[in-house]
Amino acid sequence: KDISVSARKASKVVTHALSFEGTRYKYGGTDKRGMDCSGLVYTSFQKENIALPRVSRDMAKKGIRIKLNDIEEGDLLFFQTNKNRKVINHVGLVVENQKGEVRFIHSTTSRGVIISSLLESYWKSAFVEVRRII
């Protein structure tokens, strides 16, 4: 089937993000020397000339909110990892949705840029919403 322009763009964004896998976490970082969660997303979208805000909670105001079962590569997952403060403070980029398992790339303080699954209880419970930018 013909892959749409937006799907191709999303795929390129994801490919770029994947090139940072293993990069250590650095608050405010946007390159191979270190990156934070929104830095990874910001940089990956910028590569396709898509401007996004630099902070995850501002990113969460962009694009359109979609249902979890409509999720596709390139969509953004937003999380609240601080139970005391009900604010979005973490973002991940969807790498794939296979048989209902959503895998996403993100930068974690403990392990840097890794791929995680939304089936992991920690991320499942912190999950807030998914948004489509492209």
Foldseek 3Di string as FASTA:
>chain_A
DDDDPLNVLLLQLLVQLVVLAQQADDVVDQDSVHYAFLSSNQNSNVVVVDHADSFPQRNVVAAAFDDLVVDAFNKKWWFDLDPVDPTTHHIWGFHGQDPNWTWTWGQDNVRGTDIDICPPPSNVVGTDTIGHHD
